[in-house]
Amino acid sequence: IFILPLVEIGRSGRAAMMPSKPHLACSAYSISLCFQTGWRLVLSVDQSTPMTLDKEQANRLLEAMNAQERIAWGVERFGMGAVLLSSMQQTSSVLMHMFSVMGLDNEILFVDTGYHFHETLAVRDEFIQRYKLNIVTLYPKNTPERQEQLYGVKLYQFSDGQKQCCDMRKEQPFVEAMRTRGHRLVMNGLRRSEGGKR
């Protein structure tokens, strides 16, 4: 379990990877919380106002907690400014179920890239209907068709266009939501084995 700077939302609104050495001057933090089942919960804190976060103290406190207690810690500390970023896949589905069990009305952000399988969108709709979760769907500025018109190609089909495509279709809608909706903490599930790769 560790806390380290993850990304900083710069003046341009773009997220930039931070240095690997943790320091408190950053505006965003990643708090990795290891699940007993081999999953970990990643909390990214984006703050528009300075806040002191004692990494060592937080880690000592969180280490003894189970996943739901860790979510509760984030919500107690950041209120409705704590949100879950969900891909509608396995780990985020577990966390969404925990939000439901805990009776949380915090937003769950889902970025609809325009390229999801129908089944992924059906999972989102099922969670909304069955569990009454507060899922907010974020959309890119352009439809896939408009993006193809603007760039003349399907960017995701080219290795040199994939990063740009992901930036426009995933990162930009997320960063804009963080900036405009007043969110301060983002929870996101990753497998322990994915640490450092995503």
N, C-alpha and C. Protein backbone atom coordinates (compact mmCIF):
# COMPACT_ATOMS: atom_id res chain seq x y z
N ILE A 1 0.86 -1.18 0.00
CA ILE A 1 0.00 0.00 0.00
C ILE A 1 0.89 1.22 0.00
N PHE A 2 0.61 2.17 -0.91
CA PHE A 2 1.43 3.35 -0.98
C PHE A 2 0.64 4.51 -1.54
N ILE A 3 1.12 5.70 -1.30
CA ILE A 3 0.52 6.90 -1.85
C ILE A 3 1.62 7.65 -2.58
N LEU A 4 1.36 8.01 -3.82
CA LEU A 4 2.35 8.75 -4.58
C LEU A 4 1.66 9.65 -5.59
N PRO A 5 2.34 10.70 -6.05
CA PRO A 5 1.75 11.55 -7.08
C PRO A 5 1.52 10.74 -8.34
N LEU A 6 0.38 10.95 -8.97
CA LEU A 6 0.06 10.21 -10.18
C LEU A 6 0.04 11.14 -11.38
N VAL A 7 -0.87 12.08 -11.41
CA VAL A 7 -0.95 13.02 -12.52
C VAL A 7 -1.20 14.41 -11.99
N GLU A 8 -0.82 15.38 -12.74
CA GLU A 8 -1.11 16.76 -12.40
C GLU A 8 -1.89 17.36 -13.54
N ILE A 9 -3.03 17.96 -13.24
CA ILE A 9 -3.82 18.61 -14.26
C ILE A 9 -3.21 20.00 -14.46
N GLY A 10 -2.55 20.19 -15.58
CA GLY A 10 -1.86 21.44 -15.84
C GLY A 10 -2.78 22.55 -16.28
N ARG A 11 -2.22 23.71 -16.53
CA ARG A 11 -3.02 24.85 -16.96
C ARG A 11 -3.71 24.59 -18.29
N SER A 12 -3.11 23.75 -19.11
CA SER A 12 -3.71 23.44 -20.40
C SER A 12 -4.88 22.48 -20.25
N GLY A 13 -5.05 21.91 -19.06
CA GLY A 13 -6.13 20.97 -18.85
C GLY A 13 -5.73 19.54 -19.17
N ARG A 14 -4.49 19.33 -19.61
CA ARG A 14 -4.03 17.99 -19.95
C ARG A 14 -3.39 17.35 -18.72
N ALA A 15 -3.57 16.06 -18.61
CA ALA A 15 -2.95 15.33 -17.51
C ALA A 15 -1.54 14.95 -17.93
N ALA A 16 -0.61 15.12 -17.03
CA ALA A 16 0.79 14.79 -17.32
C ALA A 16 1.30 13.83 -16.26
N MET A 17 2.06 12.83 -16.66
CA MET A 17 2.63 11.91 -15.69
C MET A 17 3.62 12.66 -14.81
N MET A 18 3.55 12.36 -13.54
CA MET A 18 4.41 13.02 -12.57
C MET A 18 5.68 12.19 -12.37
N PRO A 19 6.72 12.80 -11.80
CA PRO A 19 7.95 12.05 -11.51
C PRO A 19 7.66 10.89 -10.58
N SER A 20 8.51 9.87 -10.63
CA SER A 20 8.26 8.69 -9.81
C SER A 20 8.51 8.94 -8.33
N LYS A 21 9.30 9.95 -7.97
CA LYS A 21 9.53 10.25 -6.56
C LYS A 21 8.38 11.07 -6.01
N PRO A 22 7.70 10.59 -4.96
CA PRO A 22 6.57 11.32 -4.41
C PRO A 22 6.99 12.64 -3.77
N HIS A 23 6.16 13.63 -3.97
CA HIS A 23 6.33 14.89 -3.26
C HIS A 23 4.97 15.55 -3.14
N LEU A 24 4.81 16.39 -2.14
CA LEU A 24 3.50 16.95 -1.84
C LEU A 24 3.16 18.20 -2.63
N ALA A 25 4.03 18.62 -3.56
CA ALA A 25 3.75 19.82 -4.32
C ALA A 25 2.75 19.56 -5.44
N CYS A 26 2.45 18.31 -5.71
CA CYS A 26 1.54 17.96 -6.80
C CYS A 26 0.10 18.28 -6.43
N SER A 27 -0.73 18.44 -7.46
CA SER A 27 -2.14 18.69 -7.22
C SER A 27 -2.95 17.41 -7.26
N ALA A 28 -2.33 16.28 -7.59
CA ALA A 28 -3.07 15.03 -7.67
C ALA A 28 -2.26 13.91 -7.02
N TYR A 29 -2.95 12.97 -6.40
CA TYR A 29 -2.31 11.84 -5.76
C TYR A 29 -3.00 10.55 -6.17
N SER A 30 -2.23 9.50 -6.21
CA SER A 30 -2.77 8.16 -6.41
C SER A 30 -2.58 7.41 -5.11
N ILE A 31 -3.65 6.88 -4.58
CA ILE A 31 -3.57 6.10 -3.37
C ILE A 31 -3.93 4.67 -3.74
N SER A 32 -2.95 3.79 -3.77
CA SER A 32 -3.21 2.41 -4.15
C SER A 32 -3.57 1.62 -2.91
N LEU A 33 -4.71 0.98 -2.96
CA LEU A 33 -5.21 0.24 -1.81
C LEU A 33 -5.35 -1.22 -2.19
N CYS A 34 -4.56 -2.07 -1.59
CA CYS A 34 -4.55 -3.48 -1.97
C CYS A 34 -5.73 -4.22 -1.35
N PHE A 35 -6.48 -4.91 -2.18
CA PHE A 35 -7.57 -5.76 -1.72
C PHE A 35 -6.99 -7.08 -1.24
N GLN A 36 -7.63 -7.71 -0.30
CA GLN A 36 -7.19 -9.02 0.17
C GLN A 36 -7.29 -10.05 -0.95
N THR A 37 -8.20 -9.82 -1.90
CA THR A 37 -8.43 -10.78 -2.98
C THR A 37 -7.44 -10.61 -4.12
N GLY A 38 -6.46 -9.71 -3.98
CA GLY A 38 -5.49 -9.51 -5.05
C GLY A 38 -5.82 -8.31 -5.92
N TRP A 39 -6.92 -7.64 -5.67
CA TRP A 39 -7.24 -6.41 -6.40
C TRP A 39 -6.68 -5.23 -5.62
N ARG A 40 -6.54 -4.13 -6.26
CA ARG A 40 -6.20 -2.92 -5.53
C ARG A 40 -7.10 -1.80 -6.00
N LEU A 41 -7.35 -0.87 -5.13
CA LEU A 41 -8.19 0.28 -5.42
C LEU A 41 -7.28 1.48 -5.54
N VAL A 42 -7.39 2.21 -6.62
CA VAL A 42 -6.54 3.37 -6.82
C VAL A 42 -7.38 4.61 -6.63
N LEU A 43 -6.96 5.47 -5.73
CA LEU A 43 -7.63 6.74 -5.48
C LEU A 43 -6.75 7.86 -6.01
N SER A 44 -7.25 8.66 -6.91
CA SER A 44 -6.50 9.81 -7.42
C SER A 44 -7.16 11.07 -6.90
N VAL A 45 -6.41 11.87 -6.21
CA VAL A 45 -6.95 13.08 -5.60
C VAL A 45 -6.56 14.28 -6.44
N ASP A 46 -7.55 15.02 -6.93
CA ASP A 46 -7.30 16.24 -7.68
C ASP A 46 -7.83 17.39 -6.85
N GLN A 47 -6.98 18.29 -6.45
CA GLN A 47 -7.39 19.36 -5.55
C GLN A 47 -7.10 20.71 -6.15
N SER A 48 -8.13 21.57 -6.14
CA SER A 48 -7.92 22.93 -6.62
C SER A 48 -7.40 23.82 -5.50
N THR A 49 -7.57 23.38 -4.27
CA THR A 49 -7.03 24.12 -3.13
C THR A 49 -6.04 23.22 -2.40
N PRO A 50 -4.98 23.81 -1.85
CA PRO A 50 -3.97 23.00 -1.17
C PRO A 50 -4.56 22.22 0.00
N MET A 51 -4.07 21.02 0.19
CA MET A 51 -4.48 20.19 1.31
C MET A 51 -3.29 19.36 1.74
N THR A 52 -3.09 19.25 3.01
CA THR A 52 -1.99 18.45 3.51
C THR A 52 -2.41 17.00 3.56
N LEU A 53 -1.63 16.15 2.93
CA LEU A 53 -1.91 14.72 2.95
C LEU A 53 -0.64 14.02 3.41
N ASP A 54 -0.68 13.50 4.61
CA ASP A 54 0.45 12.78 5.16
C ASP A 54 0.40 11.36 4.62
N LYS A 55 1.26 11.06 3.64
CA LYS A 55 1.23 9.77 2.96
C LYS A 55 1.45 8.61 3.92
N GLU A 56 2.45 8.74 4.77
CA GLU A 56 2.77 7.65 5.68
C GLU A 56 1.63 7.38 6.65
N GLN A 57 1.06 8.44 7.20
CA GLN A 57 -0.04 8.29 8.14
C GLN A 57 -1.26 7.68 7.45
N ALA A 58 -1.56 8.15 6.22
CA ALA A 58 -2.70 7.61 5.48
C ALA A 58 -2.48 6.13 5.17
N ASN A 59 -1.27 5.78 4.77
CA ASN A 59 -0.98 4.37 4.47
C ASN A 59 -1.15 3.48 5.70
N ARG A 60 -0.66 3.95 6.85
CA ARG A 60 -0.81 3.17 8.08
C ARG A 60 -2.28 2.96 8.41
N LEU A 61 -3.07 4.00 8.22
CA LEU A 61 -4.49 3.93 8.51
C LEU A 61 -5.21 3.00 7.54
N LEU A 62 -4.91 3.13 6.25
CA LEU A 62 -5.60 2.36 5.22
C LEU A 62 -5.18 0.90 5.18
N GLU A 63 -3.98 0.60 5.62
CA GLU A 63 -3.44 -0.76 5.52
C GLU A 63 -4.32 -1.77 6.23
N ALA A 64 -4.87 -1.40 7.36
CA ALA A 64 -5.68 -2.34 8.14
C ALA A 64 -7.13 -2.40 7.68
N MET A 65 -7.52 -1.56 6.73
CA MET A 65 -8.92 -1.49 6.30
C MET A 65 -9.21 -2.46 5.17
N ASN A 66 -10.48 -2.92 5.12
CA ASN A 66 -10.92 -3.68 3.96
C ASN A 66 -11.37 -2.70 2.86
N ALA A 67 -11.76 -3.20 1.72
CA ALA A 67 -12.07 -2.35 0.57
C ALA A 67 -13.20 -1.36 0.88
N GLN A 68 -14.27 -1.83 1.51
CA GLN A 68 -15.38 -0.91 1.81
C GLN A 68 -14.98 0.16 2.81
N GLU A 69 -14.16 -0.19 3.77
CA GLU A 69 -13.69 0.80 4.74
C GLU A 69 -12.82 1.85 4.05
N ARG A 70 -12.06 1.42 3.06
CA ARG A 70 -11.21 2.36 2.32
C ARG A 70 -12.06 3.31 1.48
N ILE A 71 -13.11 2.78 0.87
CA ILE A 71 -14.03 3.65 0.13
C ILE A 71 -14.67 4.64 1.09
N ALA A 72 -15.11 4.14 2.24
CA ALA A 72 -15.74 5.02 3.24
C ALA A 72 -14.77 6.11 3.68
N TRP A 73 -13.50 5.76 3.85
CA TRP A 73 -12.48 6.75 4.22
C TRP A 73 -12.43 7.87 3.17
N GLY A 74 -12.41 7.49 1.90
CA GLY A 74 -12.36 8.49 0.83
C GLY A 74 -13.60 9.37 0.82
N VAL A 75 -14.76 8.77 1.00
CA VAL A 75 -16.02 9.53 0.97
C VAL A 75 -16.12 10.43 2.20
N GLU A 76 -15.71 9.92 3.37
CA GLU A 76 -15.75 10.75 4.57
C GLU A 76 -14.81 11.94 4.44
N ARG A 77 -13.68 11.74 3.81
CA ARG A 77 -12.69 12.81 3.68
C ARG A 77 -13.06 13.81 2.60
N PHE A 78 -13.66 13.35 1.49
CA PHE A 78 -13.90 14.22 0.34
C PHE A 78 -15.38 14.40 0.00
N GLY A 79 -16.27 13.77 0.74
CA GLY A 79 -17.70 13.95 0.52
C GLY A 79 -18.12 13.58 -0.89
N MET A 80 -19.02 14.40 -1.45
CA MET A 80 -19.51 14.15 -2.81
C MET A 80 -18.44 14.45 -3.85
N GLY A 81 -17.31 15.00 -3.42
CA GLY A 81 -16.19 15.21 -4.33
C GLY A 81 -15.42 13.93 -4.62
N ALA A 82 -15.80 12.83 -3.95
CA ALA A 82 -15.19 11.52 -4.21
C ALA A 82 -16.05 10.77 -5.21
N VAL A 83 -15.45 10.34 -6.30
CA VAL A 83 -16.19 9.64 -7.35
C VAL A 83 -15.45 8.37 -7.75
N LEU A 84 -16.18 7.51 -8.44
CA LEU A 84 -15.61 6.28 -8.97
C LEU A 84 -15.55 6.40 -10.49
N LEU A 85 -14.40 6.08 -11.07
CA LEU A 85 -14.26 6.01 -12.53
C LEU A 85 -14.45 4.55 -12.91
N SER A 86 -15.45 4.27 -13.74
CA SER A 86 -15.79 2.88 -14.05
C SER A 86 -15.67 2.61 -15.54
N SER A 87 -15.11 1.45 -15.85
CA SER A 87 -15.04 0.97 -17.23
C SER A 87 -16.15 -0.03 -17.51
N MET A 88 -16.93 -0.37 -16.50
CA MET A 88 -17.98 -1.39 -16.57
C MET A 88 -17.40 -2.79 -16.75
N GLN A 89 -16.15 -2.97 -16.34
CA GLN A 89 -15.50 -4.28 -16.41
C GLN A 89 -15.46 -4.88 -15.00
N GLN A 90 -14.73 -5.96 -14.81
CA GLN A 90 -14.77 -6.73 -13.57
C GLN A 90 -14.47 -5.91 -12.32
N THR A 91 -13.31 -5.25 -12.28
CA THR A 91 -12.94 -4.57 -11.03
C THR A 91 -13.88 -3.42 -10.72
N SER A 92 -14.24 -2.64 -11.73
CA SER A 92 -15.13 -1.52 -11.46
C SER A 92 -16.53 -2.00 -11.12
N SER A 93 -16.94 -3.16 -11.63
CA SER A 93 -18.25 -3.71 -11.27
C SER A 93 -18.29 -4.09 -9.79
N VAL A 94 -17.19 -4.65 -9.29
CA VAL A 94 -17.10 -4.97 -7.86
C VAL A 94 -17.23 -3.69 -7.04
N LEU A 95 -16.53 -2.64 -7.45
CA LEU A 95 -16.57 -1.38 -6.72
C LEU A 95 -17.94 -0.72 -6.81
N MET A 96 -18.59 -0.81 -7.98
CA MET A 96 -19.94 -0.25 -8.10
C MET A 96 -20.91 -0.99 -7.18
N HIS A 97 -20.76 -2.29 -7.08
CA HIS A 97 -21.61 -3.06 -6.16
C HIS A 97 -21.38 -2.59 -4.73
N MET A 98 -20.12 -2.32 -4.38
CA MET A 98 -19.82 -1.81 -3.04
C MET A 98 -20.47 -0.45 -2.82
N PHE A 99 -20.44 0.41 -3.83
CA PHE A 99 -21.12 1.71 -3.70
C PHE A 99 -22.60 1.48 -3.39
N SER A 100 -23.22 0.52 -4.07
CA SER A 100 -24.63 0.22 -3.85
C SER A 100 -24.88 -0.30 -2.44
N VAL A 101 -24.08 -1.28 -2.01
CA VAL A 101 -24.22 -1.86 -0.67
C VAL A 101 -24.05 -0.80 0.40
N MET A 102 -23.14 0.14 0.16
CA MET A 102 -22.86 1.20 1.14
C MET A 102 -23.87 2.34 1.07
N GLY A 103 -24.77 2.31 0.07
CA GLY A 103 -25.78 3.35 -0.06
C GLY A 103 -25.22 4.68 -0.50
N LEU A 104 -24.13 4.67 -1.26
CA LEU A 104 -23.50 5.92 -1.69
C LEU A 104 -24.20 6.50 -2.91
N ASP A 105 -24.38 7.81 -2.90
CA ASP A 105 -24.97 8.51 -4.04
C ASP A 105 -23.89 9.28 -4.82
N ASN A 106 -22.65 9.04 -4.49
CA ASN A 106 -21.55 9.71 -5.21
C ASN A 106 -21.59 9.31 -6.67
N GLU A 107 -21.12 10.22 -7.51
CA GLU A 107 -21.14 9.96 -8.94
C GLU A 107 -20.18 8.83 -9.31
N ILE A 108 -20.59 8.06 -10.29
CA ILE A 108 -19.75 7.05 -10.92
C ILE A 108 -19.59 7.50 -12.36
N LEU A 109 -18.37 7.82 -12.76
CA LEU A 109 -18.11 8.35 -14.09
C LEU A 109 -17.80 7.22 -15.07
N PHE A 110 -18.45 7.27 -16.21
CA PHE A 110 -18.21 6.32 -17.29
C PHE A 110 -17.97 7.11 -18.55
N VAL A 111 -16.81 6.90 -19.18
CA VAL A 111 -16.49 7.62 -20.42
C VAL A 111 -16.93 6.75 -21.59
N ASP A 112 -17.94 7.22 -22.32
CA ASP A 112 -18.42 6.51 -23.51
C ASP A 112 -17.62 7.01 -24.70
N THR A 113 -16.66 6.23 -25.13
CA THR A 113 -15.76 6.63 -26.21
C THR A 113 -16.43 6.63 -27.57
N GLY A 114 -17.59 5.99 -27.67
CA GLY A 114 -18.24 5.83 -28.96
C GLY A 114 -17.85 4.53 -29.63
N TYR A 115 -16.94 3.79 -28.99
CA TYR A 115 -16.46 2.53 -29.56
C TYR A 115 -16.76 1.32 -28.66
N HIS A 116 -17.58 1.51 -27.65
CA HIS A 116 -17.89 0.39 -26.74
C HIS A 116 -18.80 -0.63 -27.40
N PHE A 117 -18.66 -1.87 -26.97
CA PHE A 117 -19.59 -2.90 -27.39
C PHE A 117 -20.96 -2.61 -26.80
N HIS A 118 -21.99 -3.05 -27.48
CA HIS A 118 -23.35 -2.87 -26.98
C HIS A 118 -23.50 -3.48 -25.58
N GLU A 119 -22.83 -4.61 -25.36
CA GLU A 119 -22.93 -5.29 -24.07
C GLU A 119 -22.35 -4.45 -22.93
N THR A 120 -21.33 -3.67 -23.21
CA THR A 120 -20.76 -2.78 -22.18
C THR A 120 -21.77 -1.74 -21.76
N LEU A 121 -22.44 -1.15 -22.74
CA LEU A 121 -23.46 -0.14 -22.44
C LEU A 121 -24.65 -0.77 -21.71
N ALA A 122 -24.95 -2.03 -22.05
CA ALA A 122 -26.04 -2.73 -21.37
C ALA A 122 -25.69 -2.97 -19.90
N VAL A 123 -24.41 -3.27 -19.61
CA VAL A 123 -23.97 -3.43 -18.21
C VAL A 123 -24.18 -2.11 -17.46
N ARG A 124 -23.78 -1.01 -18.09
CA ARG A 124 -23.99 0.30 -17.46
C ARG A 124 -25.47 0.52 -17.13
N ASP A 125 -26.32 0.28 -18.10
CA ASP A 125 -27.76 0.48 -17.91
C ASP A 125 -28.32 -0.44 -16.83
N GLU A 126 -27.82 -1.67 -16.78
CA GLU A 126 -28.27 -2.62 -15.76
C GLU A 126 -27.89 -2.14 -14.36
N PHE A 127 -26.68 -1.60 -14.20
CA PHE A 127 -26.28 -1.07 -12.89
C PHE A 127 -27.15 0.13 -12.49
N ILE A 128 -27.50 0.96 -13.45
CA ILE A 128 -28.36 2.11 -13.15
C ILE A 128 -29.73 1.63 -12.70
N GLN A 129 -30.32 0.71 -13.47
CA GLN A 129 -31.68 0.25 -13.18
C GLN A 129 -31.75 -0.63 -11.94
N ARG A 130 -30.87 -1.61 -11.85
CA ARG A 130 -30.96 -2.58 -10.76
C ARG A 130 -30.46 -2.01 -9.43
N TYR A 131 -29.36 -1.27 -9.46
CA TYR A 131 -28.74 -0.81 -8.22
C TYR A 131 -28.95 0.67 -7.93
N LYS A 132 -29.64 1.35 -8.86
CA LYS A 132 -29.97 2.79 -8.66
C LYS A 132 -28.72 3.63 -8.42
N LEU A 133 -27.65 3.31 -9.15
CA LEU A 133 -26.40 4.04 -8.99
C LEU A 133 -26.43 5.34 -9.78
N ASN A 134 -25.68 6.31 -9.29
CA ASN A 134 -25.60 7.63 -9.90
C ASN A 134 -24.48 7.63 -10.96
N ILE A 135 -24.74 6.94 -12.06
CA ILE A 135 -23.74 6.82 -13.12
C ILE A 135 -23.90 7.98 -14.10
N VAL A 136 -22.81 8.71 -14.28
CA VAL A 136 -22.78 9.86 -15.20
C VAL A 136 -21.94 9.46 -16.41
N THR A 137 -22.55 9.49 -17.58
CA THR A 137 -21.83 9.13 -18.80
C THR A 137 -21.20 10.37 -19.40
N LEU A 138 -19.91 10.31 -19.63
CA LEU A 138 -19.15 11.40 -20.24
C LEU A 138 -18.91 11.08 -21.70
N TYR A 139 -18.96 12.11 -22.55
CA TYR A 139 -18.79 11.91 -23.98
C TYR A 139 -17.67 12.79 -24.53
N PRO A 140 -16.96 12.32 -25.56
CA PRO A 140 -15.96 13.15 -26.23
C PRO A 140 -16.65 14.30 -26.98
N LYS A 141 -15.85 15.27 -27.34
CA LYS A 141 -16.37 16.45 -28.06
C LYS A 141 -16.99 16.05 -29.40
N ASN A 142 -16.35 15.14 -30.13
CA ASN A 142 -16.82 14.74 -31.45
C ASN A 142 -17.28 13.29 -31.46
N THR A 143 -18.23 13.00 -32.33
CA THR A 143 -18.63 11.61 -32.55
C THR A 143 -17.50 10.91 -33.30
N PRO A 144 -17.48 9.58 -33.30
CA PRO A 144 -16.44 8.88 -34.08
C PRO A 144 -16.47 9.28 -35.56
N GLU A 145 -17.66 9.48 -36.09
CA GLU A 145 -17.78 9.86 -37.50
C GLU A 145 -17.20 11.24 -37.77
N ARG A 146 -17.49 12.19 -36.88
CA ARG A 146 -16.97 13.56 -37.05
C ARG A 146 -15.45 13.56 -36.89
N GLN A 147 -14.94 12.79 -35.95
CA GLN A 147 -13.48 12.71 -35.75
C GLN A 147 -12.81 12.16 -37.01
N GLU A 148 -13.43 11.15 -37.62
CA GLU A 148 -12.86 10.58 -38.85
C GLU A 148 -12.88 11.61 -39.98
N GLN A 149 -13.95 12.41 -40.04
CA GLN A 149 -14.01 13.48 -41.05
C GLN A 149 -12.90 14.50 -40.83
N LEU A 150 -12.66 14.87 -39.60
CA LEU A 150 -11.66 15.88 -39.27
C LEU A 150 -10.24 15.41 -39.56
N TYR A 151 -9.95 14.13 -39.29
CA TYR A 151 -8.58 13.63 -39.42
C TYR A 151 -8.36 12.76 -40.66
N GLY A 152 -9.43 12.44 -41.35
CA GLY A 152 -9.30 11.69 -42.60
C GLY A 152 -9.03 10.21 -42.44
N VAL A 153 -8.87 9.74 -41.21
CA VAL A 153 -8.61 8.33 -40.93
C VAL A 153 -9.26 7.97 -39.59
N LYS A 154 -9.33 6.67 -39.35
CA LYS A 154 -9.74 6.17 -38.03
C LYS A 154 -8.45 6.09 -37.19
N LEU A 155 -8.25 7.09 -36.36
CA LEU A 155 -6.99 7.21 -35.63
C LEU A 155 -6.60 5.96 -34.86
N TYR A 156 -7.58 5.29 -34.28
CA TYR A 156 -7.27 4.13 -33.44
C TYR A 156 -6.67 2.97 -34.23
N GLN A 157 -6.78 3.00 -35.53
CA GLN A 157 -6.23 1.92 -36.36
C GLN A 157 -4.74 2.11 -36.67
N PHE A 158 -4.18 3.22 -36.25
CA PHE A 158 -2.78 3.51 -36.56
C PHE A 158 -2.02 3.72 -35.25
N SER A 159 -0.85 3.09 -35.13
CA SER A 159 -0.10 3.18 -33.88
C SER A 159 0.24 4.62 -33.53
N ASP A 160 0.52 5.46 -34.52
CA ASP A 160 0.84 6.85 -34.22
C ASP A 160 -0.41 7.69 -33.95
N GLY A 161 -1.59 7.15 -34.18
CA GLY A 161 -2.83 7.88 -33.91
C GLY A 161 -3.57 7.41 -32.69
N GLN A 162 -3.16 6.26 -32.15
CA GLN A 162 -3.88 5.70 -31.01
C GLN A 162 -3.81 6.58 -29.77
N LYS A 163 -2.64 7.13 -29.49
CA LYS A 163 -2.50 8.00 -28.32
C LYS A 163 -3.38 9.24 -28.45
N GLN A 164 -3.39 9.84 -29.62
CA GLN A 164 -4.22 11.03 -29.86
C GLN A 164 -5.70 10.68 -29.74
N CYS A 165 -6.07 9.53 -30.28
CA CYS A 165 -7.46 9.08 -30.21
C CYS A 165 -7.89 8.88 -28.76
N CYS A 166 -7.05 8.19 -27.98
CA CYS A 166 -7.36 7.97 -26.57
C CYS A 166 -7.42 9.28 -25.79
N ASP A 167 -6.54 10.21 -26.12
CA ASP A 167 -6.55 11.51 -25.46
C ASP A 167 -7.89 12.21 -25.70
N MET A 168 -8.34 12.23 -26.94
CA MET A 168 -9.58 12.93 -27.28
C MET A 168 -10.82 12.20 -26.77
N ARG A 169 -10.81 10.88 -26.82
CA ARG A 169 -12.02 10.12 -26.54
C ARG A 169 -12.12 9.65 -25.09
N LYS A 170 -10.99 9.56 -24.37
CA LYS A 170 -11.01 9.10 -22.98
C LYS A 170 -10.56 10.18 -22.01
N GLU A 171 -9.34 10.68 -22.24
CA GLU A 171 -8.72 11.59 -21.26
C GLU A 171 -9.42 12.94 -21.19
N GLN A 172 -9.66 13.57 -22.32
CA GLN A 172 -10.24 14.91 -22.31
C GLN A 172 -11.62 14.97 -21.65
N PRO A 173 -12.54 14.04 -21.95
CA PRO A 173 -13.84 14.10 -21.25
C PRO A 173 -13.70 13.91 -19.74
N PHE A 174 -12.77 13.03 -19.33
CA PHE A 174 -12.55 12.79 -17.91
C PHE A 174 -11.97 14.02 -17.21
N VAL A 175 -10.93 14.60 -17.81
CA VAL A 175 -10.29 15.79 -17.21
C VAL A 175 -11.28 16.94 -17.13
N GLU A 176 -12.07 17.12 -18.18
CA GLU A 176 -13.07 18.20 -18.17
C GLU A 176 -14.10 17.99 -17.06
N ALA A 177 -14.53 16.75 -16.87
CA ALA A 177 -15.49 16.47 -15.79
C ALA A 177 -14.87 16.74 -14.44
N MET A 178 -13.62 16.36 -14.25
CA MET A 178 -12.95 16.62 -12.98
C MET A 178 -12.88 18.12 -12.70
N ARG A 179 -12.60 18.88 -13.73
CA ARG A 179 -12.44 20.32 -13.56
C ARG A 179 -13.78 21.01 -13.32
N THR A 180 -14.81 20.62 -14.05
CA THR A 180 -16.06 21.38 -14.01
C THR A 180 -17.06 20.87 -12.99
N ARG A 181 -16.93 19.64 -12.53
CA ARG A 181 -17.93 19.07 -11.64
C ARG A 181 -17.50 19.11 -10.17
N GLY A 182 -16.32 19.64 -9.89
CA GLY A 182 -15.88 19.80 -8.51
C GLY A 182 -15.41 18.53 -7.84
N HIS A 183 -15.01 17.53 -8.62
CA HIS A 183 -14.51 16.29 -8.04
C HIS A 183 -13.10 16.48 -7.50
N ARG A 184 -12.82 15.85 -6.37
CA ARG A 184 -11.50 15.98 -5.76
C ARG A 184 -10.79 14.65 -5.59
N LEU A 185 -11.53 13.56 -5.68
CA LEU A 185 -10.93 12.25 -5.50
C LEU A 185 -11.59 11.26 -6.45
N VAL A 186 -10.78 10.50 -7.16
CA VAL A 186 -11.29 9.50 -8.09
C VAL A 186 -10.81 8.12 -7.65
N MET A 187 -11.75 7.21 -7.49
CA MET A 187 -11.43 5.83 -7.15
C MET A 187 -11.54 5.00 -8.43
N ASN A 188 -10.59 4.10 -8.61
CA ASN A 188 -10.55 3.29 -9.82
C ASN A 188 -9.91 1.96 -9.48
N GLY A 189 -10.49 0.87 -9.91
CA GLY A 189 -9.97 -0.45 -9.58
C GLY A 189 -8.99 -0.96 -10.61
N LEU A 190 -7.88 -1.49 -10.13
CA LEU A 190 -6.89 -2.16 -10.97
C LEU A 190 -6.50 -3.46 -10.30
N ARG A 191 -6.16 -4.45 -11.09
CA ARG A 191 -5.59 -5.66 -10.52
C ARG A 191 -4.20 -5.34 -9.98
N ARG A 192 -3.83 -6.01 -8.93
CA ARG A 192 -2.50 -5.81 -8.35
C ARG A 192 -1.42 -5.99 -9.42
N SER A 193 -1.61 -6.96 -10.31
CA SER A 193 -0.62 -7.26 -11.35
C SER A 193 -0.51 -6.15 -12.39
N GLU A 194 -1.50 -5.24 -12.43
CA GLU A 194 -1.46 -4.15 -13.40
C GLU A 194 -0.71 -2.93 -12.88
N GLY A 195 -0.29 -2.96 -11.64
CA GLY A 195 0.37 -1.82 -11.04
C GLY A 195 1.54 -1.31 -11.86
N GLY A 196 1.52 -0.03 -12.16
CA GLY A 196 2.60 0.61 -12.90
C GLY A 196 2.48 0.47 -14.39
N LYS A 197 1.53 -0.33 -14.87
CA LYS A 197 1.38 -0.53 -16.31
C LYS A 197 0.33 0.37 -16.91
N ARG A 198 -0.61 0.87 -16.08
CA ARG A 198 -1.70 1.68 -16.62
C ARG A 198 -1.78 2.99 -15.89
